[in-house]
Amino acid sequence: MHVFCDFDGTISLEDATDFILERLASPAWEDIEQQWKQGLIGSAECMARQIALIEATRQELDGALDDIAIDPTFPAFIDFCWAQGIPVTIISDGVDYFIKRILARHNLDYLPVIANKLTISGVNGHTRYELSSPYSDIDCSSAAGVCKCRSVEAFDTRVYIGDGRSDFCVSDKPELVFAKDKLAEFCTQQAIPFVSYENFSDLTQSLKNALPGFNRHHESAPHYATA
């Protein structure tokens, strides 16, 4: 079993990228956001163009990131998975630097992170931000910076935790899906089995309940009723 977990709005209480853009980027980022919502550009292009609009020093960026809270029950969930020998990977169409900075405040920066890669450089006293997508796939249906489907396909028994639009295309791949908010609505519409949750305290108990089924039938997925 391998747990894959979204970050923005799942682990973090708000979308870290939107939080930073609202605080530190030129207002033009919102026009780019609308182009993405209208389907005119993919999320990889959207994010790269938006991140380039950040107008802040690295210290200012770090200070803003330090204001982003995570679900307070997430560390205990990681402790539970660790005790059970279950690896957890953070998989996000967000920004690796943002995620790692936030996790580090909670001594969780040892967790592997699959996300878009941020490069920070200085040019003539100006801090420049550039986003690349090492986990993209030319065949990705959503033109995402991180193709979540490709990232999870190599594992046999997968648990996925998510909440939003970037989780839609991967939600029918794992053997067990935990969903809330937009992802829960999507799974309901598409008749994809899922278990609902509100926080990681719920997830810890639900995963604990699911383990016996996985241990008995690790070659086939158990069926879970939509909560």
Protein backbone atom coordinates (compact mmCIF):
# COMPACT_ATOMS: atom_id res chain seq x y z
CA MET A 1 0.00 0.00 0.00
CA HIS A 2 1.15 3.53 -0.81
CA VAL A 3 -0.69 6.70 0.22
CA PHE A 4 -0.69 9.64 -2.20
CA CYS A 5 -1.93 12.91 -0.76
CA ASP A 6 -2.77 16.22 -2.39
CA PHE A 7 -1.46 19.31 -0.62
CA ASP A 8 -3.39 22.52 -1.33
CA GLY A 9 -6.70 22.53 0.52
CA THR A 10 -6.04 18.98 1.69
CA ILE A 11 -2.99 19.25 3.95
CA SER A 12 -2.85 23.04 3.91
CA LEU A 13 -6.02 24.81 5.04
CA GLU A 14 -5.94 27.04 1.97
CA ASP A 15 -4.42 26.93 -1.48
CA ALA A 16 -0.78 27.96 -0.94
CA THR A 17 -0.27 29.14 -4.51
CA ASP A 18 -3.37 31.35 -4.53
CA PHE A 19 -2.39 32.70 -1.12
CA ILE A 20 1.04 33.75 -2.40
CA LEU A 21 -0.30 35.17 -5.66
CA GLU A 22 -2.90 37.23 -3.83
CA ARG A 23 -0.24 38.68 -1.51
CA LEU A 24 2.83 39.01 -3.69
CA ALA A 25 2.02 38.87 -7.42
CA SER A 26 0.94 41.42 -9.98
CA PRO A 27 -2.89 41.50 -10.30
CA ALA A 28 -2.49 40.12 -13.83
CA TRP A 29 -2.37 36.64 -12.28
CA GLU A 30 -6.16 36.72 -12.00
CA ASP A 31 -6.57 37.23 -15.75
CA ILE A 32 -4.40 34.16 -16.33
CA GLU A 33 -6.53 32.25 -13.83
CA GLN A 34 -9.65 33.06 -15.84
CA GLN A 35 -8.02 31.77 -19.02
CA TRP A 36 -7.37 28.47 -17.23
CA LYS A 37 -10.92 28.25 -15.85
CA GLN A 38 -12.28 28.85 -19.36
CA GLY A 39 -10.16 25.98 -20.68
CA LEU A 40 -8.03 28.24 -22.89
CA ILE A 41 -4.76 27.09 -21.29
CA GLY A 42 -3.65 24.09 -19.24
CA SER A 43 -2.72 24.29 -15.59
CA ALA A 44 1.02 23.97 -16.32
CA GLU A 45 1.06 27.08 -18.50
CA CYS A 46 -1.25 28.89 -16.09
CA MET A 47 0.98 28.25 -13.09
CA ALA A 48 4.24 29.07 -14.87
CA ARG A 49 2.91 32.43 -16.07
CA GLN A 50 1.44 33.28 -12.67
CA ILE A 51 4.54 32.40 -10.65
CA ALA A 52 6.63 34.63 -12.92
CA LEU A 53 4.48 37.56 -11.72
CA ILE A 54 5.59 37.30 -8.07
CA GLU A 55 7.15 40.59 -6.97
CA ALA A 56 8.94 39.85 -3.70
CA THR A 57 12.28 38.95 -2.22
CA ARG A 58 12.89 35.39 -1.10
CA GLN A 59 12.63 36.56 2.51
CA GLU A 60 9.23 38.13 1.81
CA LEU A 61 8.09 34.93 0.10
CA ASP A 62 9.22 32.81 3.06
CA GLY A 63 7.46 35.14 5.47
CA ALA A 64 4.19 34.79 3.57
CA LEU A 65 4.54 31.00 3.40
CA ASP A 66 5.00 30.91 7.15
CA ASP A 67 1.48 32.30 7.53
CA ILE A 68 -0.09 29.25 5.83
CA ALA A 69 -1.51 26.73 8.30
CA ILE A 70 -1.95 22.99 7.83
CA ASP A 71 -4.58 20.62 9.19
CA PRO A 72 -3.42 20.22 12.80
CA THR A 73 -4.25 16.50 12.71
CA PHE A 74 -2.00 15.79 9.70
CA PRO A 75 1.19 15.07 11.73
CA ALA A 76 -0.67 12.41 13.75
CA PHE A 77 -1.87 10.83 10.49
CA ILE A 78 1.74 10.62 9.29
CA ASP A 79 2.74 9.06 12.62
CA PHE A 80 0.03 6.44 12.16
CA CYS A 81 1.14 5.63 8.60
CA TRP A 82 4.76 5.46 9.74
CA ALA A 83 3.87 3.03 12.54
CA GLN A 84 2.02 0.83 10.04
CA GLY A 85 4.88 0.90 7.55
CA ILE A 86 2.75 2.74 4.98
CA PRO A 87 4.72 5.20 2.80
CA VAL A 88 3.13 8.59 2.13
CA THR A 89 3.97 10.77 -0.87
CA ILE A 90 2.75 14.34 -1.31
CA ILE A 91 1.54 14.79 -4.89
CA SER A 92 0.49 18.26 -5.96
CA ASP A 93 0.04 20.42 -9.02
CA GLY A 94 1.36 23.18 -6.79
CA VAL A 95 4.88 24.43 -6.08
CA ASP A 96 7.54 22.23 -4.46
CA TYR A 97 9.28 25.11 -2.65
CA PHE A 98 6.01 26.29 -1.10
CA ILE A 99 5.10 22.78 0.07
CA LYS A 100 8.52 21.97 1.52
CA ARG A 101 8.75 25.29 3.35
CA ILE A 102 5.36 24.73 4.97
CA LEU A 103 6.10 21.10 5.87
CA ALA A 104 9.48 22.06 7.37
CA ARG A 105 7.75 24.15 10.04
CA HIS A 106 6.16 20.92 11.27
CA ASN A 107 9.31 18.76 10.92
CA LEU A 108 7.71 16.92 8.00
CA ASP A 109 10.06 17.97 5.22
CA TYR A 110 11.37 14.39 4.99
CA LEU A 111 8.16 13.43 3.16
CA PRO A 112 8.71 12.93 -0.59
CA VAL A 113 7.06 15.64 -2.70
CA ILE A 114 5.99 15.39 -6.33
CA ALA A 115 5.19 18.92 -7.54
CA ASN A 116 6.19 21.66 -9.96
CA LYS A 117 9.77 22.84 -9.41
CA LEU A 118 10.47 26.45 -8.43
CA THR A 119 13.78 28.07 -9.35
CA ILE A 120 14.65 31.33 -7.58
CA SER A 121 17.38 33.54 -8.99
CA GLY A 122 18.57 37.12 -8.69
CA VAL A 123 19.06 39.46 -11.66
CA ASN A 124 20.31 43.00 -11.03
CA GLY A 125 18.95 42.99 -7.51
CA HIS A 126 15.56 41.67 -8.67
CA THR A 127 14.35 38.25 -7.50
CA ARG A 128 13.11 36.11 -10.35
CA TYR A 129 10.77 33.11 -10.01
CA GLU A 130 10.57 30.42 -12.66
CA LEU A 131 8.41 27.30 -12.57
CA SER A 132 9.17 24.09 -14.45
CA SER A 133 7.21 20.84 -14.64
CA PRO A 134 9.44 17.75 -14.43
CA TYR A 135 6.41 15.52 -13.73
CA SER A 136 4.31 16.60 -16.70
CA ASP A 137 3.18 14.28 -19.48
CA ILE A 138 2.53 15.28 -23.08
CA ASP A 139 -0.55 13.06 -23.08
CA CYS A 140 -2.00 14.46 -19.83
CA SER A 141 -5.69 15.13 -20.43
CA SER A 142 -5.67 18.27 -18.28
CA ALA A 143 -2.29 19.59 -19.50
CA ALA A 144 -1.22 19.68 -15.87
CA GLY A 145 2.21 20.52 -14.60
CA VAL A 146 2.09 17.30 -12.57
CA CYS A 147 0.43 14.33 -14.25
CA LYS A 148 -0.92 12.58 -11.18
CA CYS A 149 -2.11 9.58 -13.19
CA ARG A 150 1.42 8.83 -14.40
CA SER A 151 2.86 9.29 -10.93
CA VAL A 152 0.59 6.73 -9.25
CA GLU A 153 0.40 4.11 -12.02
CA ALA A 154 3.58 2.27 -10.99
CA PHE A 155 2.12 1.21 -7.64
CA ASP A 156 -0.15 -1.80 -7.16
CA THR A 157 -2.19 -0.80 -4.10
CA ARG A 158 -2.89 2.90 -3.87
CA VAL A 159 -4.75 5.15 -1.47
CA TYR A 160 -5.47 8.68 -2.71
CA ILE A 161 -6.49 11.70 -0.65
CA GLY A 162 -7.70 14.87 -2.35
CA ASP A 163 -10.15 17.72 -2.48
CA GLY A 164 -10.12 19.54 -5.79
CA ARG A 165 -9.99 19.84 -9.54
CA SER A 166 -6.40 18.65 -9.97
CA ASP A 167 -7.48 15.33 -8.43
CA PHE A 168 -10.31 14.61 -10.88
CA CYS A 169 -8.44 12.66 -13.54
CA VAL A 170 -6.59 10.42 -11.08
CA SER A 171 -9.58 9.62 -8.88
CA ASP A 172 -10.63 6.47 -10.74
CA LYS A 173 -7.14 4.90 -10.57
CA PRO A 174 -6.48 4.13 -6.85
CA GLU A 175 -8.02 1.22 -4.98
CA LEU A 176 -9.26 3.57 -2.26
CA VAL A 177 -10.11 7.26 -2.58
CA PHE A 178 -10.74 9.71 0.24
CA ALA A 179 -12.47 12.83 -1.04
CA LYS A 180 -14.01 16.08 0.11
CA ASP A 181 -15.30 19.32 -1.45
CA LYS A 182 -15.01 19.47 -5.26
CA LEU A 183 -13.44 16.03 -5.54
CA ALA A 184 -16.29 14.46 -3.56
CA GLU A 185 -18.80 16.16 -5.87
CA PHE A 186 -16.93 14.90 -8.93
CA CYS A 187 -16.70 11.33 -7.63
CA THR A 188 -20.43 11.36 -6.89
CA GLN A 189 -21.24 12.60 -10.39
CA GLN A 190 -18.95 10.01 -12.00
CA ALA A 191 -20.06 7.13 -9.74
CA ILE A 192 -16.50 6.69 -8.44
CA PRO A 193 -16.50 4.99 -5.00
CA PHE A 194 -14.97 7.13 -2.28
CA VAL A 195 -14.89 7.70 1.45
CA SER A 196 -15.66 11.22 2.61
CA TYR A 197 -13.63 13.03 5.27
CA GLU A 198 -13.32 16.41 6.90
CA ASN A 199 -9.83 16.26 8.38
CA PHE A 200 -6.91 13.91 8.91
CA SER A 201 -8.30 12.69 12.20
CA ASP A 202 -11.16 11.19 10.15
CA LEU A 203 -8.65 9.77 7.68
CA THR A 204 -6.60 8.08 10.37
CA GLN A 205 -9.65 6.23 11.68
CA SER A 206 -10.95 5.37 8.19
CA LEU A 207 -7.59 4.04 7.05
CA LYS A 208 -7.27 2.02 10.26
CA ASN A 209 -10.68 0.48 9.50
CA ALA A 210 -9.68 -0.26 5.91
CA LEU A 211 -6.39 -2.01 6.67
CA PRO A 212 -7.84 -5.46 7.48
CA GLY A 213 -9.57 -5.51 4.09
CA PHE A 214 -6.35 -4.60 2.30
CA ASN A 215 -4.40 -7.20 4.22
CA ARG A 216 -6.88 -9.94 3.28
CA HIS A 217 -7.32 -8.96 -0.34
CA HIS A 218 -4.17 -7.11 -1.37
CA GLU A 219 -4.48 -8.33 -4.95
CA SER A 220 -7.93 -6.82 -5.49
CA ALA A 221 -9.52 -3.60 -4.32
CA PRO A 222 -12.17 -3.73 -1.59
CA HIS A 223 -15.42 -1.88 -2.23
CA TYR A 224 -16.33 1.10 -0.10
CA ALA A 225 -19.70 2.72 -0.02
CA THR A 226 -19.84 6.41 -0.76
CA ALA A 227 -20.14 8.20 2.55
